[in-house]
Protein backbone atom coordinates (compact mmCIF):
# COMPACT_ATOMS: atom_id res chain seq x y z
CA UNK A 1 9.66 -6.64 -19.27
CA UNK A 2 6.36 -8.67 -19.09
CA UNK A 3 3.83 -7.55 -16.38
CA UNK A 4 3.90 -9.35 -12.87
CA UNK A 5 0.74 -11.30 -12.24
CA UNK A 6 -1.19 -10.56 -9.26
CA UNK A 7 -3.55 -13.41 -7.98
CA UNK A 8 -6.49 -12.09 -6.33
CA UNK A 9 -6.17 -14.59 -3.23
CA UNK A 10 -9.56 -15.45 -1.34
CA UNK A 11 -12.48 -13.59 -3.16
CA UNK A 12 -14.17 -12.96 0.05
CA UNK A 13 -11.00 -11.83 1.86
CA UNK A 14 -8.96 -8.49 1.71
CA UNK A 15 -7.36 -9.36 -1.68
CA UNK A 16 -9.79 -7.60 -3.92
CA UNK A 17 -9.65 -4.59 -1.71
CA UNK A 18 -5.82 -4.31 -1.61
CA UNK A 19 -5.69 -4.81 -5.21
CA UNK A 20 -7.98 -1.88 -5.82
CA UNK A 21 -5.97 0.13 -3.30
CA UNK A 22 -2.72 -0.47 -5.21
CA UNK A 23 -4.02 0.36 -8.61
CA UNK A 24 -5.57 3.60 -7.20
CA UNK A 25 -2.13 4.54 -5.95
CA UNK A 26 -0.41 4.12 -9.28
CA UNK A 27 0.57 7.18 -11.14
CA UNK A 28 2.90 6.06 -13.92
CA UNK A 29 2.50 3.73 -17.04
CA UNK A 30 5.60 1.67 -16.42
CA UNK A 31 5.33 -1.94 -16.63
CA UNK A 32 1.91 -2.37 -14.75
CA UNK A 33 0.66 -5.60 -13.20
CA UNK A 34 -2.40 -7.51 -14.25
CA UNK A 35 -4.71 -9.35 -11.95
CA UNK A 36 -5.62 -13.04 -12.25
CA UNK A 37 -9.09 -13.33 -10.57
CA UNK A 38 -12.77 -12.63 -10.85
CA UNK A 39 -14.00 -9.48 -12.79
CA UNK A 40 -17.18 -9.36 -11.11
CA UNK A 41 -15.80 -9.44 -7.69
CA UNK A 42 -13.38 -6.81 -8.54
CA UNK A 43 -16.13 -4.67 -10.02
CA UNK A 44 -18.23 -5.09 -6.94
CA UNK A 45 -15.03 -4.01 -4.73
CA UNK A 46 -14.61 -1.03 -7.05
CA UNK A 47 -17.95 0.10 -6.20
CA UNK A 48 -17.58 -0.49 -2.49
CA UNK A 49 -14.41 1.57 -2.43
CA UNK A 50 -15.53 4.04 -4.94
CA UNK A 51 -12.35 3.21 -6.60
CA UNK A 52 -11.10 5.51 -9.41
CA UNK A 53 -9.53 2.39 -11.15
CA UNK A 54 -11.86 0.46 -13.56
CA UNK A 55 -11.55 -3.36 -13.62
CA UNK A 56 -11.68 -4.51 -17.16
CA UNK A 57 -11.27 -7.76 -18.86
CA UNK A 58 -7.79 -8.32 -20.19
CA UNK A 59 -6.23 -11.07 -22.27
CA UNK A 60 -2.43 -11.80 -22.91
CA UNK A 61 -0.78 -9.46 -25.21
CA UNK A 62 -3.31 -6.47 -24.79
CA UNK A 63 -2.20 -3.12 -23.75
CA UNK A 64 -2.49 -2.08 -20.36
CA UNK A 65 -3.99 1.25 -19.50
CA UNK A 66 -3.28 3.55 -16.51
CA UNK A 67 -6.39 3.84 -14.62
CA UNK A 68 -7.75 0.59 -15.22
CA UNK A 69 -7.38 -2.78 -13.41
CA UNK A 70 -6.55 -5.49 -16.16
CA UNK A 71 -8.11 -8.67 -14.96
CA UNK A 72 -7.73 -12.02 -16.66
CA UNK A 73 -11.14 -13.30 -15.77
CA UNK A 74 -10.72 -16.87 -14.49
CA UNK A 75 -13.86 -17.54 -12.41
CA UNK A 76 -17.43 -16.29 -12.59
CA UNK A 77 -18.57 -16.29 -9.18
CA UNK A 78 -21.94 -14.87 -8.24
CA UNK A 79 -20.41 -11.83 -6.55
CA UNK A 80 -23.59 -10.14 -5.28
CA UNK A 81 -24.36 -13.10 -3.20
CA UNK A 82 -20.93 -13.95 -1.79
CA UNK A 83 -20.41 -12.82 1.92
CA UNK A 84 -17.33 -10.94 2.99
CA UNK A 85 -15.10 -13.27 5.32
CA UNK A 86 -17.19 -16.34 4.70
CA UNK A 87 -15.25 -18.64 2.21
CA UNK A 88 -17.29 -21.39 0.35
CA UNK A 89 -16.08 -24.33 -1.88
CA UNK A 90 -16.31 -22.24 -5.11
CA UNK A 91 -14.29 -19.21 -3.81
CA UNK A 92 -11.70 -21.89 -2.49
CA UNK A 93 -11.48 -23.62 -5.78
CA UNK A 94 -11.16 -20.06 -7.55
CA UNK A 95 -8.25 -18.90 -5.44
CA UNK A 96 -6.44 -22.21 -6.28
CA UNK A 97 -7.27 -21.78 -9.94
CA UNK A 98 -5.71 -18.17 -9.98
CA UNK A 99 -2.47 -19.60 -8.61
CA UNK A 100 -2.30 -22.39 -10.95
CA UNK A 101 -2.79 -20.12 -13.99
CA UNK A 102 -0.31 -17.45 -12.72
CA UNK A 103 2.41 -20.28 -12.38
CA UNK A 104 1.90 -21.61 -15.93
CA UNK A 105 1.98 -18.28 -17.13
CA UNK A 106 5.21 -17.37 -15.40
CA UNK A 107 6.69 -20.74 -16.43
CA UNK A 108 5.83 -19.88 -20.04
CA UNK A 109 7.37 -16.39 -19.72
CA UNK A 110 3.98 -14.60 -20.05
CA UNK A 111 4.36 -12.93 -16.67
CA UNK A 112 7.69 -11.54 -15.08
CA UNK A 113 6.65 -12.61 -11.74
CA UNK A 114 3.93 -13.88 -9.75
CA UNK A 115 2.71 -11.87 -6.76
CA UNK A 116 0.11 -13.55 -4.41
CA UNK A 117 -2.65 -12.11 -2.30
CA UNK A 118 -3.61 -14.12 0.76
CA UNK A 119 -5.35 -17.45 0.68
CA UNK A 120 -7.00 -19.34 3.59
CA UNK A 121 -5.33 -22.74 4.18
CA UNK A 122 -8.38 -23.86 6.05
CA UNK A 123 -10.63 -23.05 3.27
CA UNK A 124 -8.33 -24.80 0.83
CA UNK A 125 -8.40 -28.03 2.98
CA UNK A 126 -12.21 -27.86 3.18
CA UNK A 127 -12.33 -27.72 -0.72
CA UNK A 128 -10.12 -30.85 -0.75
CA UNK A 129 -7.00 -29.01 -1.90
CA UNK A 130 -4.35 -30.16 0.75
CA UNK A 131 -1.24 -27.90 1.01
CA UNK A 132 0.27 -26.39 4.09
CA UNK A 133 0.13 -23.17 2.13
CA UNK A 134 1.18 -21.22 -1.11
CA UNK A 135 4.94 -21.89 -0.85
CA UNK A 136 4.26 -25.81 -0.99
CA UNK A 137 1.84 -25.56 -3.75
CA UNK A 138 3.99 -23.45 -5.87
CA UNK A 139 6.75 -25.76 -5.21
CA UNK A 140 4.67 -28.68 -6.62
CA UNK A 141 3.19 -26.76 -9.54
CA UNK A 142 7.14 -25.81 -10.52
CA UNK A 143 8.40 -29.47 -9.68
CA UNK A 144 10.68 -27.81 -7.32
CA UNK A 145 12.23 -29.94 -4.50
CA UNK A 146 14.51 -27.40 -2.83
CA UNK A 147 12.80 -24.05 -1.60
CA UNK A 148 12.90 -21.59 1.16
CA UNK A 149 10.76 -18.93 2.78
CA UNK A 150 12.27 -15.43 3.00
CA UNK A 151 10.54 -12.44 4.48
CA UNK A 152 12.09 -9.29 3.44
CA UNK A 153 11.79 -5.60 4.31
CA UNK A 154 13.99 -2.55 4.24
CA UNK A 155 15.62 -3.37 7.62
CA UNK A 156 15.35 -6.98 8.02
CA UNK A 157 15.43 -10.39 5.99
CA UNK A 158 14.82 -13.60 7.54
CA UNK A 159 15.04 -17.07 5.97
CA UNK A 160 13.46 -20.27 7.54
CA UNK A 161 15.04 -23.48 7.76
CA UNK A 162 11.77 -25.27 8.82
CA UNK A 163 8.50 -23.53 7.87
CA UNK A 164 5.03 -24.78 8.80
CA UNK A 165 6.02 -27.32 11.36
CA UNK A 166 4.77 -27.78 15.10
CA UNK A 167 7.32 -26.32 17.72
CA UNK A 168 7.61 -29.76 19.53
CA UNK A 169 9.04 -31.41 16.16
CA UNK A 170 11.57 -28.87 15.24
CA UNK A 171 14.49 -30.16 17.21
CA UNK A 172 14.24 -33.46 15.63
CA UNK A 173 13.93 -32.15 12.21
CA UNK A 174 17.11 -29.84 11.87
CA UNK A 175 19.88 -31.37 10.35
CA UNK A 176 23.47 -30.01 9.45
CA UNK A 177 22.72 -30.68 5.84
CA UNK A 178 19.31 -28.79 5.86
CA UNK A 179 20.75 -25.92 7.66
CA UNK A 180 23.78 -25.75 5.01
CA UNK A 181 21.21 -25.91 2.19
CA UNK A 182 19.40 -23.02 3.55
CA UNK A 183 22.44 -20.92 4.14
CA UNK A 184 23.48 -21.64 0.40
CA UNK A 185 20.03 -20.85 -1.08
CA UNK A 186 20.06 -17.62 1.07
CA UNK A 187 23.66 -16.64 -0.19
CA UNK A 188 22.46 -17.17 -3.79
CA UNK A 189 19.33 -15.18 -3.56
CA UNK A 190 21.25 -12.38 -1.97
CA UNK A 191 23.56 -12.44 -5.01
CA UNK A 192 21.18 -12.87 -7.78
CA UNK A 193 17.99 -11.46 -6.41
CA UNK A 194 19.23 -8.61 -4.34
CA UNK A 195 22.45 -7.57 -5.76
CA UNK A 196 24.63 -8.29 -2.84
CA UNK A 197 28.48 -9.14 -4.00
CA UNK A 198 29.47 -10.52 -0.69
CA UNK A 199 26.43 -10.92 1.60
CA UNK A 200 26.62 -11.09 5.39
CA UNK A 201 24.40 -13.80 6.81
CA UNK A 202 23.97 -14.41 10.49
CA UNK A 203 22.68 -17.80 11.60
CA UNK A 204 20.55 -17.86 14.67
CA UNK A 205 20.94 -20.58 17.49
CA UNK A 206 18.02 -22.73 18.32
CA UNK A 207 18.14 -22.54 22.41
CA UNK A 208 18.30 -19.70 24.65
CA UNK A 209 21.92 -17.96 24.69
CA UNK A 210 22.58 -20.30 21.74
CA UNK A 211 22.61 -23.18 24.11
CA UNK A 212 25.35 -21.54 26.46
CA UNK A 213 28.13 -24.04 25.19
CA UNK A 214 25.83 -26.88 25.57
CA UNK A 215 24.23 -26.00 29.05
CA UNK A 216 20.74 -25.31 27.53
CA UNK A 217 20.75 -27.83 24.69
CA UNK A 218 23.11 -29.32 22.08
CA UNK A 219 21.63 -28.30 18.83
CA UNK A 220 24.08 -25.74 18.32
CA UNK A 221 27.15 -27.96 18.94
CA UNK A 222 25.89 -30.95 17.21
CA UNK A 223 23.90 -29.49 14.34
CA UNK A 224 24.28 -25.71 13.35
CA UNK A 225 28.13 -25.23 13.99
CA UNK A 226 29.13 -28.20 11.64
CA UNK A 227 26.71 -26.63 9.06
CA UNK A 228 28.66 -23.42 9.10
CA UNK A 229 31.87 -25.05 8.91
CA UNK A 230 30.92 -26.87 5.73
CA UNK A 231 29.76 -23.66 3.96
CA UNK A 232 32.37 -22.78 1.19
CA UNK A 233 30.27 -20.30 -0.93
CA UNK A 234 30.89 -16.29 -1.44
CA UNK A 235 29.22 -14.96 1.52
CA UNK A 236 30.29 -13.82 5.15
CA UNK A 237 28.59 -16.56 7.38
CA UNK A 238 28.86 -15.93 11.23
CA UNK A 239 26.80 -17.68 14.25
CA UNK A 240 25.12 -19.32 15.77
CA UNK A 241 24.13 -16.14 17.46
CA UNK A 242 21.76 -16.06 20.50
CA UNK A 243 18.29 -15.41 19.00
CA UNK A 244 17.42 -12.58 21.56
CA UNK A 245 20.07 -10.29 20.13
CA UNK A 246 20.71 -11.28 16.54
CA UNK A 247 17.60 -9.67 15.17
CA UNK A 248 18.59 -6.29 16.74
CA UNK A 249 21.99 -6.35 15.12
CA UNK A 250 20.62 -7.34 11.70
CA UNK A 251 17.93 -4.63 11.94
CA UNK A 252 20.77 -2.02 12.57
CA UNK A 253 22.49 -3.04 9.26
CA UNK A 254 25.32 -5.60 10.62
CA UNK A 255 23.95 -8.34 8.55
CA UNK A 256 21.99 -8.81 5.18
CA UNK A 257 19.73 -11.65 6.37
CA UNK A 258 19.38 -14.00 9.22
CA UNK A 259 18.77 -17.64 8.92
CA UNK A 260 16.23 -18.98 11.42
CA UNK A 261 15.80 -22.43 12.76
CA UNK A 262 11.72 -22.30 12.92
CA UNK A 263 8.90 -20.14 11.71
CA UNK A 264 7.94 -17.91 14.82
CA UNK A 265 11.83 -17.36 15.57
CA UNK A 266 12.16 -15.31 12.37
CA UNK A 267 8.70 -14.12 11.85
CA UNK A 268 7.99 -12.52 15.37
CA UNK A 269 10.76 -9.94 14.96
CA UNK A 270 10.18 -9.47 11.20
CA UNK A 271 6.56 -8.67 11.97
CA UNK A 272 7.43 -6.33 14.68
CA UNK A 273 9.43 -4.30 12.21
CA UNK A 274 7.46 -4.82 9.02
CA UNK A 275 3.91 -5.68 9.82
CA UNK A 276 2.43 -3.56 6.97
CA UNK A 277 5.26 -3.47 4.52
CA UNK A 278 6.75 -6.97 4.83
CA UNK A 279 7.13 -9.25 1.67
CA UNK A 280 7.11 -13.09 1.42
CA UNK A 281 9.89 -14.29 -1.27
CA UNK A 282 10.01 -17.99 -2.16
CA UNK A 283 13.61 -18.92 -2.78
CA UNK A 284 14.50 -21.82 -5.15
CA UNK A 285 11.53 -21.46 -7.61
CA UNK A 286 12.46 -21.26 -11.27
CA UNK A 287 10.03 -18.16 -11.49
CA UNK A 288 9.98 -14.96 -9.24
CA UNK A 289 7.27 -15.28 -6.51
CA UNK A 290 6.60 -12.93 -3.81
CA UNK A 291 3.42 -12.48 -1.57
CA UNK A 292 1.77 -10.20 0.95
CA UNK A 293 2.97 -11.05 4.42
CA UNK A 294 -0.40 -11.26 6.00
CA UNK A 295 -3.45 -13.25 5.97
CA UNK A 296 -7.06 -13.12 4.36
CA UNK A 297 -8.12 -10.71 7.16
CA UNK A 298 -11.55 -11.99 7.04
CA UNK A 299 -12.63 -9.92 10.18
CA UNK A 300 -12.17 -6.62 8.15
CA UNK A 301 -12.95 -7.88 4.52
CA UNK A 302 -15.45 -5.78 2.94
CA UNK A 303 -15.15 -2.79 5.32
CA UNK A 304 -13.00 -0.65 3.05
CA UNK A 305 -10.15 -0.51 5.52
CA UNK A 306 -7.52 -2.82 4.46
CA UNK A 307 -4.00 -1.54 3.92
CA UNK A 308 -2.27 -2.17 0.71
CA UNK A 309 1.43 -1.58 1.66
CA UNK A 310 2.45 -4.90 1.78
CA UNK A 311 1.06 -5.66 -1.71
CA UNK A 312 2.80 -2.70 -3.08
CA UNK A 313 6.02 -3.51 -1.46
CA UNK A 314 5.45 -7.27 -2.90
CA UNK A 315 4.93 -5.99 -6.44
CA UNK A 316 7.98 -3.60 -6.37
CA UNK A 317 10.17 -6.23 -4.93
CA UNK A 318 9.02 -8.94 -7.60
CA UNK A 319 9.79 -6.40 -10.34
CA UNK A 320 13.22 -5.50 -8.87
CA UNK A 321 14.26 -9.21 -8.56
CA UNK A 322 12.92 -9.93 -12.12
CA UNK A 323 15.12 -7.11 -13.47
CA UNK A 324 18.12 -8.24 -11.40
CA UNK A 325 17.84 -11.86 -12.71
CA UNK A 326 17.57 -10.52 -16.36
CA UNK A 327 20.89 -8.92 -16.17
């Protein structure tokens, strides 16, 4: 299998640190990842961390050796003059370039998967690159119109009907067709990517107590329940369940995934359980893409204390999904 491509993320965030931490933890020669980023920044970070892994320039087709960090060097930033936690236009353009090149490589079959380190949405916007986040950028780069965000961990998986939207607008944005599409994409991913023969999917309500038969809102009756009735795929679908109980049940093994109506409904319980090892999986893309489930952490960048648990989990999950899709 081809290696996974890890994009370095923001050069002045924690991306370079967690990449070095990941490579320092690897002890086997099995399909090692490669890094798409800046060799100079990673060499500087290796010195900071006193890393035992040596960042080296790498090109497609070269052997990857344990104990090195193979870097497809895509930018040539002045590493010594960058300031941790202080992005500039050059660093923002660079982090976008890493994503573009990784996506191209994955589409061409050069990489088994794309694993992304965190970027700053604000820094991208200030550099003139206007995407709400990684997910939307990757969707455009792969000409994908149907896509979903899944957050996955060992105890809980959540999939979002709406993603980066103001909470005040969510109710008006929900539709039975969109919810049905999200349920269908969740079922397909649990089959293809995670190996469930008949996944159990719970659908969360929108209102307190799932609306209490319409007393606290009509979204469940008018929008969510019709979507559930229309599903005809190979999965056990149930709901809409009260949001204050469904995640406890899912985390204790009753369901394989929860379909959530909006961003924080799913991410608050997910991050409570998987703050360090959660993985962001983009459903619907023609490539395998996972990501760390945390941000650039500018406040701790360069201090040598960033945790690589989420990156390690994202890389391992990406390779497992790639293996499942190849079968």
